[in-house]
PDB file of N, CA and C in Angstrom:
ATOM      1  N   UNK A   1     -40.213  62.194  91.840  1.00  0.00           N
ATOM      2  CA  UNK A   1     -41.618  62.074  91.106  1.00  0.00           C
ATOM      3  C   UNK A   1     -41.113  60.844  90.620  1.00  0.00           C
ATOM      4  N   UNK A   2     -42.239  60.082  90.369  1.00  0.00           N
ATOM      5  CA  UNK A   2     -42.364  58.605  89.719  1.00  0.00           C
ATOM      6  C   UNK A   2     -42.979  58.381  88.446  1.00  0.00           C
ATOM      7  N   UNK A   3     -42.368  57.932  87.539  1.00  0.00           N
ATOM      8  CA  UNK A   3     -42.495  57.976  86.008  1.00  0.00           C
ATOM      9  C   UNK A   3     -43.420  56.838  85.613  1.00  0.00           C
ATOM     10  N   UNK A   4     -43.914  56.257  86.365  1.00  0.00           N
ATOM     11  CA  UNK A   4     -44.647  54.430  86.487  1.00  0.00           C
ATOM     12  C   UNK A   4     -46.135  55.340  85.680  1.00  0.00           C
ATOM     13  N   UNK A   5     -46.667  54.365  84.775  1.00  0.00           N
ATOM     14  CA  UNK A   5     -47.971  54.979  84.310  1.00  0.00           C
ATOM     15  C   UNK A   5     -49.133  53.360  84.417  1.00  0.00           C
ATOM     16  N   UNK A   6     -50.113  53.884  84.158  1.00  0.00           N
ATOM     17  CA  UNK A   6     -51.342  52.943  84.600  1.00  0.00           C
ATOM     18  C   UNK A   6     -51.906  52.997  83.243  1.00  0.00           C
ATOM     19  N   UNK A   7     -51.958  51.613  82.602  1.00  0.00           N
ATOM     20  CA  UNK A   7     -52.264  51.233  81.698  1.00  0.00           C
ATOM     21  C   UNK A   7     -53.030  49.919  81.676  1.00  0.00           C
ATOM     22  N   UNK A   8     -54.523  50.151  81.544  1.00  0.00           N
ATOM     23  CA  UNK A   8     -55.087  48.915  81.456  1.00  0.00           C
ATOM     24  C   UNK A   8     -55.186  48.244  83.107  1.00  0.00           C
ATOM     25  N   UNK A   9     -55.156  49.200  83.964  1.00  0.00           N
ATOM     26  CA  UNK A   9     -54.984  48.616  85.466  1.00  0.00           C
ATOM     27  C   UNK A   9     -53.937  48.087  85.941  1.00  0.00           C
ATOM     28  N   UNK A  10     -52.671  48.011  85.226  1.00  0.00           N
ATOM     29  CA  UNK A  10     -51.312  47.904  85.670  1.00  0.00           C
ATOM     30  C   UNK A  10     -50.528  48.820  85.708  1.00  0.00           C
ATOM     31  N   UNK A  11     -49.770  48.886  86.333  1.00  0.00           N
ATOM     32  CA  UNK A  11     -48.642  49.708  86.779  1.00  0.00           C
ATOM     33  C   UNK A  11     -47.504  49.407  85.612  1.00  0.00           C
ATOM     34  N   UNK A  12     -47.144  50.172  84.941  1.00  0.00           N
ATOM     35  CA  UNK A  12     -45.568  50.204  84.179  1.00  0.00           C
ATOM     36  C   UNK A  12     -44.930  50.931  84.179  1.00  0.00           C
ATOM     37  N   UNK A  13     -43.563  50.349  84.841  1.00  0.00           N
ATOM     38  CA  UNK A  13     -42.341  51.198  84.602  1.00  0.00           C
ATOM     39  C   UNK A  13     -41.652  51.338  83.550  1.00  0.00           C
ATOM     40  N   UNK A  14     -40.969  52.773  83.191  1.00  0.00           N
ATOM     41  CA  UNK A  14     -39.981  52.431  82.014  1.00  0.00           C
ATOM     42  C   UNK A  14     -39.148  51.774  82.325  1.00  0.00           C
ATOM     43  N   UNK A  15     -38.082  51.399  81.067  1.00  0.00           N
ATOM     44  CA  UNK A  15     -37.080  50.662  80.903  1.00  0.00           C
ATOM     45  C   UNK A  15     -36.932  49.722  79.950  1.00  0.00           C
ATOM     46  N   UNK A  16     -36.408  48.837  80.347  1.00  0.00           N
ATOM     47  CA  UNK A  16     -35.821  47.859  78.913  1.00  0.00           C
ATOM     48  C   UNK A  16     -37.149  46.358  79.462  1.00  0.00           C
ATOM     49  N   UNK A  17     -37.663  46.276  78.151  1.00  0.00           N
ATOM     50  CA  UNK A  17     -38.735  45.283  78.595  1.00  0.00           C
ATOM     51  C   UNK A  17     -38.034  43.786  77.990  1.00  0.00           C
ATOM     52  N   UNK A  18     -38.809  42.682  78.291  1.00  0.00           N
ATOM     53  CA  UNK A  18     -38.328  41.496  77.955  1.00  0.00           C
ATOM     54  C   UNK A  18     -37.203  40.800  78.933  1.00  0.00           C
ATOM     55  N   UNK A  19     -36.759  39.888  78.556  1.00  0.00           N
ATOM     56  CA  UNK A  19     -35.882  38.968  79.480  1.00  0.00           C
ATOM     57  C   UNK A  19     -34.515  40.077  79.270  1.00  0.00           C
ATOM     58  N   UNK A  20     -33.596  39.591  80.281  1.00  0.00           N
ATOM     59  CA  UNK A  20     -32.308  40.231  80.445  1.00  0.00           C
ATOM     60  C   UNK A  20     -31.341  39.697  79.799  1.00  0.00           C
ATOM     61  N   UNK A  21     -30.508  40.283  78.816  1.00  0.00           N
ATOM     62  CA  UNK A  21     -29.662  39.102  78.293  1.00  0.00           C
ATOM     63  C   UNK A  21     -28.729  38.401  79.338  1.00  0.00           C
ATOM     64  N   UNK A  22     -28.670  37.107  78.879  1.00  0.00           N
ATOM     65  CA  UNK A  22     -27.423  36.338  80.076  1.00  0.00           C
ATOM     66  C   UNK A  22     -26.330  36.890  79.198  1.00  0.00           C
ATOM     67  N   UNK A  23     -25.246  36.742  80.242  1.00  0.00           N
ATOM     68  CA  UNK A  23     -23.895  36.536  79.971  1.00  0.00           C
ATOM     69  C   UNK A  23     -23.234  35.468  78.931  1.00  0.00           C
ATOM     70  N   UNK A  24     -23.568  35.568  77.674  1.00  0.00           N
ATOM     71  CA  UNK A  24     -23.200  34.309  76.693  1.00  0.00           C
ATOM     72  C   UNK A  24     -21.667  34.525  76.565  1.00  0.00           C
ATOM     73  N   UNK A  25     -20.961  33.773  76.568  1.00  0.00           N
ATOM     74  CA  UNK A  25     -19.560  33.937  76.234  1.00  0.00           C
ATOM     75  C   UNK A  25     -19.179  34.093  74.624  1.00  0.00           C
ATOM     76  N   UNK A  26     -18.860  34.939  74.286  1.00  0.00           N
ATOM     77  CA  UNK A  26     -18.503  35.483  72.960  1.00  0.00           C
ATOM     78  C   UNK A  26     -18.119  34.394  72.112  1.00  0.00           C
ATOM     79  N   UNK A  27     -16.826  33.849  72.589  1.00  0.00           N
ATOM     80  CA  UNK A  27     -16.059  32.976  71.767  1.00  0.00           C
ATOM     81  C   UNK A  27     -17.226  31.808  71.312  1.00  0.00           C
ATOM     82  N   UNK A  28     -18.185  31.010  72.455  1.00  0.00           N
ATOM     83  CA  UNK A  28     -18.902  30.273  72.255  1.00  0.00           C
ATOM     84  C   UNK A  28     -20.053  30.691  71.105  1.00  0.00           C
ATOM     85  N   UNK A  29     -20.645  31.813  71.155  1.00  0.00           N
ATOM     86  CA  UNK A  29     -21.714  32.534  70.103  1.00  0.00           C
ATOM     87  C   UNK A  29     -21.100  32.262  69.121  1.00  0.00           C
ATOM     88  N   UNK A  30     -19.685  32.792  68.757  1.00  0.00           N
ATOM     89  CA  UNK A  30     -19.088  32.558  67.393  1.00  0.00           C
ATOM     90  C   UNK A  30     -18.755  31.485  66.662  1.00  0.00           C
ATOM     91  N   UNK A  31     -18.395  30.628  67.714  1.00  0.00           N
ATOM     92  CA  UNK A  31     -18.097  29.291  67.172  1.00  0.00           C
ATOM     93  C   UNK A  31     -19.639  28.443  66.471  1.00  0.00           C
ATOM     94  N   UNK A  32     -20.539  28.826  67.379  1.00  0.00           N
ATOM     95  CA  UNK A  32     -21.911  28.277  67.098  1.00  0.00           C
ATOM     96  C   UNK A  32     -22.149  28.665  65.913  1.00  0.00           C
ATOM     97  N   UNK A  33     -22.043  29.909  65.841  1.00  0.00           N
ATOM     98  CA  UNK A  33     -22.394  30.865  64.609  1.00  0.00           C
ATOM     99  C   UNK A  33     -21.642  30.082  63.158  1.00  0.00           C
ATOM    100  N   UNK A  34     -20.529  30.061  63.585  1.00  0.00           N
ATOM    101  CA  UNK A  34     -19.493  29.415  62.248  1.00  0.00           C
ATOM    102  C   UNK A  34     -20.002  27.820  62.086  1.00  0.00           C
ATOM    103  N   UNK A  35     -20.162  27.120  63.068  1.00  0.00           N
ATOM    104  CA  UNK A  35     -20.558  25.754  62.871  1.00  0.00           C
ATOM    105  C   UNK A  35     -21.866  25.529  62.090  1.00  0.00           C
ATOM    106  N   UNK A  36     -22.939  26.507  62.501  1.00  0.00           N
ATOM    107  CA  UNK A  36     -24.029  26.696  61.529  1.00  0.00           C
ATOM    108  C   UNK A  36     -23.877  26.964  60.521  1.00  0.00           C
ATOM    109  N   UNK A  37     -23.256  28.118  60.486  1.00  0.00           N
ATOM    110  CA  UNK A  37     -22.933  28.361  58.598  1.00  0.00           C
ATOM    111  C   UNK A  37     -22.183  27.311  58.145  1.00  0.00           C
ATOM    112  N   UNK A  38     -21.325  26.493  58.575  1.00  0.00           N
ATOM    113  CA  UNK A  38     -20.936  25.573  57.787  1.00  0.00           C
ATOM    114  C   UNK A  38     -21.861  24.552  57.901  1.00  0.00           C
ATOM    115  N   UNK A  39     -22.774  23.513  58.538  1.00  0.00           N
ATOM    116  CA  UNK A  39     -23.811  23.255  58.148  1.00  0.00           C
ATOM    117  C   UNK A  39     -24.695  23.462  56.972  1.00  0.00           C
ATOM    118  N   UNK A  40     -25.048  24.979  56.915  1.00  0.00           N
ATOM    119  CA  UNK A  40     -25.678  25.505  56.102  1.00  0.00           C
ATOM    120  C   UNK A  40     -25.407  25.509  54.703  1.00  0.00           C
ATOM    121  N   UNK A  41     -23.797  25.718  54.676  1.00  0.00           N
ATOM    122  CA  UNK A  41     -23.357  25.467  53.086  1.00  0.00           C
ATOM    123  C   UNK A  41     -22.772  23.749  52.814  1.00  0.00           C
ATOM    124  N   UNK A  42     -23.008  23.304  53.599  1.00  0.00           N
ATOM    125  CA  UNK A  42     -23.025  21.792  53.459  1.00  0.00           C
ATOM    126  C   UNK A  42     -24.640  21.261  52.684  1.00  0.00           C
ATOM    127  N   UNK A  43     -25.644  22.079  53.546  1.00  0.00           N
ATOM    128  CA  UNK A  43     -26.831  21.655  53.419  1.00  0.00           C
ATOM    129  C   UNK A  43     -27.101  22.257  51.668  1.00  0.00           C
ATOM    130  N   UNK A  44     -26.527  23.321  51.545  1.00  0.00           N
ATOM    131  CA  UNK A  44     -26.900  23.996  50.074  1.00  0.00           C
ATOM    132  C   UNK A  44     -25.943  23.189  49.077  1.00  0.00           C
ATOM    133  N   UNK A  45     -24.826  23.170  49.521  1.00  0.00           N
ATOM    134  CA  UNK A  45     -24.169  21.940  48.381  1.00  0.00           C
ATOM    135  C   UNK A  45     -25.275  20.807  47.954  1.00  0.00           C
ATOM    136  N   UNK A  46     -25.431  20.072  48.887  1.00  0.00           N
ATOM    137  CA  UNK A  46     -25.930  18.749  48.574  1.00  0.00           C
ATOM    138  C   UNK A  46     -27.554  19.349  47.864  1.00  0.00           C
ATOM    139  N   UNK A  47     -27.943  19.956  48.201  1.00  0.00           N
ATOM    140  CA  UNK A  47     -29.436  20.540  47.600  1.00  0.00           C
ATOM    141  C   UNK A  47     -28.909  20.583  46.071  1.00  0.00           C
ATOM    142  N   UNK A  48     -27.969  21.650  45.804  1.00  0.00           N
ATOM    143  CA  UNK A  48     -27.588  21.838  44.572  1.00  0.00           C
ATOM    144  C   UNK A  48     -27.216  20.488  43.477  1.00  0.00           C
ATOM    145  N   UNK A  49     -26.457  19.598  44.288  1.00  0.00           N
ATOM    146  CA  UNK A  49     -25.901  18.341  43.878  1.00  0.00           C
ATOM    147  C   UNK A  49     -27.334  17.525  43.389  1.00  0.00           C
ATOM    148  N   UNK A  50     -28.347  17.561  43.964  1.00  0.00           N
ATOM    149  CA  UNK A  50     -29.622  16.855  43.836  1.00  0.00           C
ATOM    150  C   UNK A  50     -30.191  17.436  42.721  1.00  0.00           C
ATOM    151  N   UNK A  51     -30.407  18.962  42.651  1.00  0.00           N
ATOM    152  CA  UNK A  51     -31.256  19.628  41.647  1.00  0.00           C
ATOM    153  C   UNK A  51     -30.460  19.232  40.282  1.00  0.00           C
ATOM    154  N   UNK A  52     -28.815  19.220  40.468  1.00  0.00           N
ATOM    155  CA  UNK A  52     -28.288  18.974  39.096  1.00  0.00           C
ATOM    156  C   UNK A  52     -28.416  17.723  38.544  1.00  0.00           C
ATOM    157  N   UNK A  53     -28.519  16.874  39.152  1.00  0.00           N
ATOM    158  CA  UNK A  53     -28.780  15.445  38.866  1.00  0.00           C
ATOM    159  C   UNK A  53     -30.369  15.204  38.458  1.00  0.00           C
ATOM    160  N   UNK A  54     -30.825  15.911  38.897  1.00  0.00           N
ATOM    161  CA  UNK A  54     -32.469  16.098  38.571  1.00  0.00           C
ATOM    162  C   UNK A  54     -32.324  16.556  37.093  1.00  0.00           C
ATOM    163  N   UNK A  55     -32.048  17.752  36.995  1.00  0.00           N
ATOM    164  CA  UNK A  55     -31.898  18.459  35.782  1.00  0.00           C
ATOM    165  C   UNK A  55     -31.434  17.364  34.504  1.00  0.00           C
ATOM    166  N   UNK A  56     -30.401  16.747  35.094  1.00  0.00           N
ATOM    167  CA  UNK A  56     -29.512  15.921  34.030  1.00  0.00           C
ATOM    168  C   UNK A  56     -30.466  14.823  33.548  1.00  0.00           C
ATOM    169  N   UNK A  57     -31.189  14.085  34.763  1.00  0.00           N
ATOM    170  CA  UNK A  57     -32.049  13.177  34.518  1.00  0.00           C
ATOM    171  C   UNK A  57     -33.302  13.348  33.637  1.00  0.00           C
ATOM    172  N   UNK A  58     -33.742  14.589  33.572  1.00  0.00           N
ATOM    173  CA  UNK A  58     -34.679  15.404  33.022  1.00  0.00           C
ATOM    174  C   UNK A  58     -34.613  15.385  31.284  1.00  0.00           C
ATOM    175  N   UNK A  59     -32.964  16.086  31.478  1.00  0.00           N
ATOM    176  CA  UNK A  59     -32.991  16.312  30.062  1.00  0.00           C
ATOM    177  C   UNK A  59     -32.363  14.947  29.365  1.00  0.00           C
ATOM    178  N   UNK A  60     -31.768  14.108  29.841  1.00  0.00           N
ATOM    179  CA  UNK A  60     -31.919  12.844  28.972  1.00  0.00           C
ATOM    180  C   UNK A  60     -33.121  12.091  28.689  1.00  0.00           C
ATOM    181  N   UNK A  61     -33.979  12.218  29.558  1.00  0.00           N
ATOM    182  CA  UNK A  61     -35.951  11.846  29.320  1.00  0.00           C
ATOM    183  C   UNK A  61     -36.542  12.323  28.117  1.00  0.00           C
ATOM    184  N   UNK A  62     -35.719  13.898  28.015  1.00  0.00           N
ATOM    185  CA  UNK A  62     -36.422  14.774  26.977  1.00  0.00           C
ATOM    186  C   UNK A  62     -35.448  14.447  25.591  1.00  0.00           C
ATOM    187  N   UNK A  63     -34.342  14.146  25.685  1.00  0.00           N
ATOM    188  CA  UNK A  63     -33.979  13.774  24.431  1.00  0.00           C
ATOM    189  C   UNK A  63     -34.469  12.184  24.246  1.00  0.00           C
ATOM    190  N   UNK A  64     -34.731  11.201  24.697  1.00  0.00           N
ATOM    191  CA  UNK A  64     -35.169  10.019  24.541  1.00  0.00           C
ATOM    192  C   UNK A  64     -36.736  10.348  23.801  1.00  0.00           C
ATOM    193  N   UNK A  65     -37.561  11.174  24.357  1.00  0.00           N
ATOM    194  CA  UNK A  65     -38.834  11.523  23.980  1.00  0.00           C
ATOM    195  C   UNK A  65     -38.698  12.470  22.894  1.00  0.00           C
ATOM    196  N   UNK A  66     -37.482  12.826  22.315  1.00  0.00           N
ATOM    197  CA  UNK A  66     -37.403  13.464  21.191  1.00  0.00           C
ATOM    198  C   UNK A  66     -36.798  12.647  20.047  1.00  0.00           C
ATOM    199  N   UNK A  67     -36.263  11.900  20.276  1.00  0.00           N
ATOM    200  CA  UNK A  67     -36.336  10.818  19.568  1.00  0.00           C
ATOM    201  C   UNK A  67     -37.235  10.331  19.061  1.00  0.00           C
ATOM    202  N   UNK A  68     -38.254   9.825  19.895  1.00  0.00           N
ATOM    203  CA  UNK A  68     -39.332   8.924  20.054  1.00  0.00           C
ATOM    204  C   UNK A  68     -40.030   9.581  19.080  1.00  0.00           C
ATOM    205  N   UNK A  69     -40.805  11.133  19.411  1.00  0.00           N
ATOM    206  CA  UNK A  69     -41.253  11.720  18.336  1.00  0.00           C
ATOM    207  C   UNK A  69     -40.551  11.950  16.596  1.00  0.00           C
ATOM    208  N   UNK A  70     -39.299  12.089  16.592  1.00  0.00           N
ATOM    209  CA  UNK A  70     -38.953  11.545  15.694  1.00  0.00           C
ATOM    210  C   UNK A  70     -39.459  10.421  14.900  1.00  0.00           C
ATOM    211  N   UNK A  71     -39.125   9.302  15.392  1.00  0.00           N
ATOM    212  CA  UNK A  71     -39.503   8.257  14.695  1.00  0.00           C
ATOM    213  C   UNK A  71     -40.985   8.273  14.254  1.00  0.00           C
ATOM    214  N   UNK A  72     -41.587   8.656  15.208  1.00  0.00           N
ATOM    215  CA  UNK A  72     -43.349   8.716  14.673  1.00  0.00           C
ATOM    216  C   UNK A  72     -43.424   9.682  13.458  1.00  0.00           C
ATOM    217  N   UNK A  73     -42.780  10.677  13.593  1.00  0.00           N
ATOM    218  CA  UNK A  73     -42.981  11.348  12.556  1.00  0.00           C
ATOM    219  C   UNK A  73     -42.480  10.986  11.302  1.00  0.00           C
ATOM    220  N   UNK A  74     -41.453  10.238  11.181  1.00  0.00           N
ATOM    221  CA  UNK A  74     -40.788   9.254   9.842  1.00  0.00           C
ATOM    222  C   UNK A  74     -41.841   8.044   9.584  1.00  0.00           C
ATOM    223  N   UNK A  75     -42.396   7.486  11.048  1.00  0.00           N
ATOM    224  CA  UNK A  75     -43.737   6.692  10.498  1.00  0.00           C
ATOM    225  C   UNK A  75     -44.775   7.011   9.729  1.00  0.00           C
ATOM    226  N   UNK A  76     -45.358   8.242  10.280  1.00  0.00           N
ATOM    227  CA  UNK A  76     -46.319   8.911   9.549  1.00  0.00           C
ATOM    228  C   UNK A  76     -46.056   9.625   8.295  1.00  0.00           C
ATOM    229  N   UNK A  77     -45.170   9.968   8.089  1.00  0.00           N
ATOM    230  CA  UNK A  77     -44.566  10.654   6.694  1.00  0.00           C
ATOM    231  C   UNK A  77     -44.620   9.156   5.705  1.00  0.00           C
ATOM    232  N   UNK A  78     -44.098   7.968   6.071  1.00  0.00           N
ATOM    233  CA  UNK A  78     -44.206   7.006   5.455  1.00  0.00           C
ATOM    234  C   UNK A  78     -45.400   6.550   5.048  1.00  0.00           C
ATOM    235  N   UNK A  79     -46.324   6.552   6.290  1.00  0.00           N
ATOM    236  CA  UNK A  79     -47.865   5.846   5.898  1.00  0.00           C
ATOM    237  C   UNK A  79     -48.496   7.151   5.004  1.00  0.00           C
ATOM    238  N   UNK A  80     -48.259   8.033   5.102  1.00  0.00           N
ATOM    239  CA  UNK A  80     -48.763   9.072   4.032  1.00  0.00           C
ATOM    240  C   UNK A  80     -48.537   8.764   2.712  1.00  0.00           C
ATOM    241  N   UNK A  81     -47.039   8.428   2.592  1.00  0.00           N
ATOM    242  CA  UNK A  81     -46.737   7.554   1.310  1.00  0.00           C
ATOM    243  C   UNK A  81     -47.058   6.254   0.480  1.00  0.00           C
ATOM    244  N   UNK A  82     -48.173   5.947   1.292  1.00  0.00           N
ATOM    245  CA  UNK A  82     -48.572   4.700   1.400  1.00  0.00           C
ATOM    246  C   UNK A  82     -47.679   3.155   1.612  1.00  0.00           C
ATOM    247  N   UNK A  83     -46.557   3.492   2.204  1.00  0.00           N
ATOM    248  CA  UNK A  83     -45.817   2.626   2.871  1.00  0.00           C
ATOM    249  C   UNK A  83     -46.263   2.286   4.183  1.00  0.00           C
ATOM    250  N   UNK A  84     -46.009   1.059   4.757  1.00  0.00           N
ATOM    251  CA  UNK A  84     -46.086   0.585   6.025  1.00  0.00           C
ATOM    252  C   UNK A  84     -44.750   0.568   6.337  1.00  0.00           C
ATOM    253  N   UNK A  85     -44.385   0.887   7.760  1.00  0.00           N
ATOM    254  CA  UNK A  85     -43.235   0.680   8.112  1.00  0.00           C
ATOM    255  C   UNK A  85     -43.046  -0.877   8.654  1.00  0.00           C
ATOM    256  N   UNK A  86     -41.913  -1.104   8.422  1.00  0.00           N
ATOM    257  CA  UNK A  86     -41.721  -2.504   9.105  1.00  0.00           C
ATOM    258  C   UNK A  86     -41.928  -2.862  10.793  1.00  0.00           C
ATOM    259  N   UNK A  87     -41.754  -1.490  11.458  1.00  0.00           N
ATOM    260  CA  UNK A  87     -41.836  -1.821  12.983  1.00  0.00           C
ATOM    261  C   UNK A  87     -43.203  -1.914  13.182  1.00  0.00           C
ATOM    262  N   UNK A  88     -44.014  -1.177  12.607  1.00  0.00           N
ATOM    263  CA  UNK A  88     -45.527  -1.071  12.439  1.00  0.00           C
ATOM    264  C   UNK A  88     -46.078  -2.524  12.371  1.00  0.00           C
ATOM    265  N   UNK A  89     -45.513  -3.074  11.119  1.00  0.00           N
ATOM    266  CA  UNK A  89     -45.747  -4.525  11.095  1.00  0.00           C
ATOM    267  C   UNK A  89     -45.407  -5.337  12.104  1.00  0.00           C
ATOM    268  N   UNK A  90     -44.287  -5.154  12.263  1.00  0.00           N
ATOM    269  CA  UNK A  90     -43.852  -6.302  13.800  1.00  0.00           C
ATOM    270  C   UNK A  90     -44.710  -6.133  14.977  1.00  0.00           C
ATOM    271  N   UNK A  91     -45.090  -4.645  15.152  1.00  0.00           N
ATOM    272  CA  UNK A  91     -46.279  -4.312  15.928  1.00  0.00           C
ATOM    273  C   UNK A  91     -47.213  -4.940  16.134  1.00  0.00           C
ATOM    274  N   UNK A  92     -47.772  -4.880  14.780  1.00  0.00           N
ATOM    275  CA  UNK A  92     -49.263  -5.231  14.831  1.00  0.00           C
ATOM    276  C   UNK A  92     -49.420  -6.724  14.536  1.00  0.00           C
ATOM    277  N   UNK A  93     -48.090  -7.543  14.363  1.00  0.00           N
ATOM    278  CA  UNK A  93     -48.102  -9.148  13.848  1.00  0.00           C
ATOM    279  C   UNK A  93     -47.974  -9.420  15.799  1.00  0.00           C
ATOM    280  N   UNK A  94     -47.298  -8.568  16.419  1.00  0.00           N
ATOM    281  CA  UNK A  94     -46.823  -9.324  17.397  1.00  0.00           C
ATOM    282  C   UNK A  94     -48.079  -9.171  18.232  1.00  0.00           C
ATOM    283  N   UNK A  95     -48.840  -7.838  18.057  1.00  0.00           N
ATOM    284  CA  UNK A  95     -50.497  -8.194  18.759  1.00  0.00           C
ATOM    285  C   UNK A  95     -51.169  -9.085  18.230  1.00  0.00           C
ATOM    286  N   UNK A  96     -51.036  -9.339  17.182  1.00  0.00           N
ATOM    287  CA  UNK A  96     -51.927 -10.497  16.579  1.00  0.00           C
ATOM    288  C   UNK A  96     -51.544 -11.953  17.604  1.00  0.00           C
ATOM    289  N   UNK A  97     -50.473 -11.689  17.543  1.00  0.00           N
ATOM    290  CA  UNK A  97     -49.971 -13.580  18.459  1.00  0.00           C
ATOM    291  C   UNK A  97     -50.231 -13.175  19.505  1.00  0.00           C
ATOM    292  N   UNK A  98     -50.080 -12.024  20.090  1.00  0.00           N
ATOM    293  CA  UNK A  98     -50.352 -11.875  21.706  1.00  0.00           C
ATOM    294  C   UNK A  98     -51.774 -12.464  22.115  1.00  0.00           C
ATOM    295  N   UNK A  99     -52.840 -11.689  20.673  1.00  0.00           N
ATOM    296  CA  UNK A  99     -54.127 -11.907  21.020  1.00  0.00           C
ATOM    297  C   UNK A  99     -54.592 -13.561  20.923  1.00  0.00           C
ATOM    298  N   UNK A 100     -54.100 -14.111  20.004  1.00  0.00           N
ATOM    299  CA  UNK A 100     -54.513 -15.435  19.607  1.00  0.00           C
ATOM    300  C   UNK A 100     -53.533 -16.323  20.954  1.00  0.00           C
ATOM    301  N   UNK A 101     -52.460 -16.289  21.415  1.00  0.00           N
ATOM    302  CA  UNK A 101     -52.065 -16.334  22.579  1.00  0.00           C
ATOM    303  C   UNK A 101     -53.437 -16.358  23.782  1.00  0.00           C
ATOM    304  N   UNK A 102     -53.296 -15.348  23.927  1.00  0.00           N
ATOM    305  CA  UNK A 102     -54.160 -15.259  25.066  1.00  0.00           C
ATOM    306  C   UNK A 102     -55.761 -15.829  25.150  1.00  0.00           C
ATOM    307  N   UNK A 103     -55.953 -15.573  23.758  1.00  0.00           N
ATOM    308  CA  UNK A 103     -57.062 -16.554  23.499  1.00  0.00           C
ATOM    309  C   UNK A 103     -57.146 -17.903  23.461  1.00  0.00           C
ATOM    310  N   UNK A 104     -55.983 -18.328  23.262  1.00  0.00           N
ATOM    311  CA  UNK A 104     -55.791 -19.735  23.363  1.00  0.00           C
ATOM    312  C   UNK A 104     -55.709 -20.221  24.997  1.00  0.00           C
ATOM    313  N   UNK A 105     -55.024 -19.322  25.628  1.00  0.00           N
ATOM    314  CA  UNK A 105     -54.488 -19.480  26.869  1.00  0.00           C
ATOM    315  C   UNK A 105     -56.191 -19.751  27.993  1.00  0.00           C
ATOM    316  N   UNK A 106     -56.909 -18.750  27.527  1.00  0.00           N
ATOM    317  CA  UNK A 106     -58.318 -18.602  27.907  1.00  0.00           C
ATOM    318  C   UNK A 106     -59.093 -19.870  27.943  1.00  0.00           C
ATOM    319  N   UNK A 107     -59.186 -20.336  26.767  1.00  0.00           N
ATOM    320  CA  UNK A 107     -59.669 -21.630  26.499  1.00  0.00           C
ATOM    321  C   UNK A 107     -59.396 -22.654  27.434  1.00  0.00           C
ATOM    322  N   UNK A 108     -57.658 -22.739  27.330  1.00  0.00           N
ATOM    323  CA  UNK A 108     -57.622 -23.607  28.410  1.00  0.00           C
ATOM    324  C   UNK A 108     -57.398 -23.578  29.762  1.00  0.00           C
ATOM    325  N   UNK A 109     -57.482 -22.433  30.289  1.00  0.00           N
ATOM    326  CA  UNK A 109     -57.911 -22.110  32.131  1.00  0.00           C
ATOM    327  C   UNK A 109     -59.475 -22.346  31.864  1.00  0.00           C
ATOM    328  N   UNK A 110     -60.605 -22.337  30.907  1.00  0.00           N
ATOM    329  CA  UNK A 110     -61.762 -22.390  31.058  1.00  0.00           C
ATOM    330  C   UNK A 110     -61.794 -23.842  30.874  1.00  0.00           C
ATOM    331  N   UNK A 111     -61.533 -24.436  29.956  1.00  0.00           N
ATOM    332  CA  UNK A 111     -61.331 -25.789  30.389  1.00  0.00           C
ATOM    333  C   UNK A 111     -60.863 -26.849  31.692  1.00  0.00           C
ATOM    334  N   UNK A 112     -59.686 -26.177  32.471  1.00  0.00           N
ATOM    335  CA  UNK A 112     -59.207 -26.370  33.536  1.00  0.00           C
ATOM    336  C   UNK A 112     -60.140 -26.280  34.297  1.00  0.00           C
ATOM    337  N   UNK A 113     -60.982 -25.055  34.452  1.00  0.00           N
ATOM    338  CA  UNK A 113     -61.979 -24.971  35.459  1.00  0.00           C
ATOM    339  C   UNK A 113     -63.117 -25.801  35.340  1.00  0.00           C
ATOM    340  N   UNK A 114     -63.732 -25.899  34.131  1.00  0.00           N
ATOM    341  CA  UNK A 114     -64.669 -26.827  34.143  1.00  0.00           C
ATOM    342  C   UNK A 114     -64.162 -28.357  34.513  1.00  0.00           C
ATOM    343  N   UNK A 115     -63.044 -28.723  34.108  1.00  0.00           N
ATOM    344  CA  UNK A 115     -62.775 -30.062  34.705  1.00  0.00           C
ATOM    345  C   UNK A 115     -62.674 -30.249  35.903  1.00  0.00           C
ATOM    346  N   UNK A 116     -62.190 -29.282  37.070  1.00  0.00           N
ATOM    347  CA  UNK A 116     -62.229 -28.869  38.207  1.00  0.00           C
ATOM    348  C   UNK A 116     -63.496 -28.914  38.635  1.00  0.00           C
ATOM    349  N   UNK A 117     -64.104 -28.567  38.337  1.00  0.00           N
ATOM    350  CA  UNK A 117     -66.014 -28.379  38.924  1.00  0.00           C
ATOM    351  C   UNK A 117     -66.691 -29.683  38.420  1.00  0.00           C
ATOM    352  N   UNK A 118     -66.278 -30.212  37.434  1.00  0.00           N
ATOM    353  CA  UNK A 118     -66.980 -31.960  37.543  1.00  0.00           C
ATOM    354  C   UNK A 118     -66.059 -32.658  38.286  1.00  0.00           C
ATOM    355  N   UNK A 119     -65.063 -32.486  38.626  1.00  0.00           N
ATOM    356  CA  UNK A 119     -64.700 -33.512  39.433  1.00  0.00           C
ATOM    357  C   UNK A 119     -65.151 -33.833  40.819  1.00  0.00           C
ATOM    358  N   UNK A 120     -65.810 -32.766  40.992  1.00  0.00           N
ATOM    359  CA  UNK A 120     -66.452 -32.986  42.653  1.00  0.00           C
ATOM    360  C   UNK A 120     -67.697 -33.747  42.380  1.00  0.00           C
TER     361      UNK A 120
END
């Protein structure tokens, strides 16, 4: 008696399907597995080191931002009391000096470009 079946016009025989497993040396397979595990652990260790460094740098940034926020809070409290903190005065006078320097350098540049265009 034949156990083969006809499915979709093709004759199928019972038994194992797919490739037949090749005779793989068991010791070589185990060694490859161990090597793969070592590499996986090394990658995991590097990933954790990278993440720890990232967390550390972000924590430092958070601390710096908290200090800056506290400074701004103190400036606001001082201004609410009618006092202008010296740091803000320095910032304002520095901006005014920068603006005046920029304006004077613009005038010099305009003068130079006009002199260059008139020389032709």
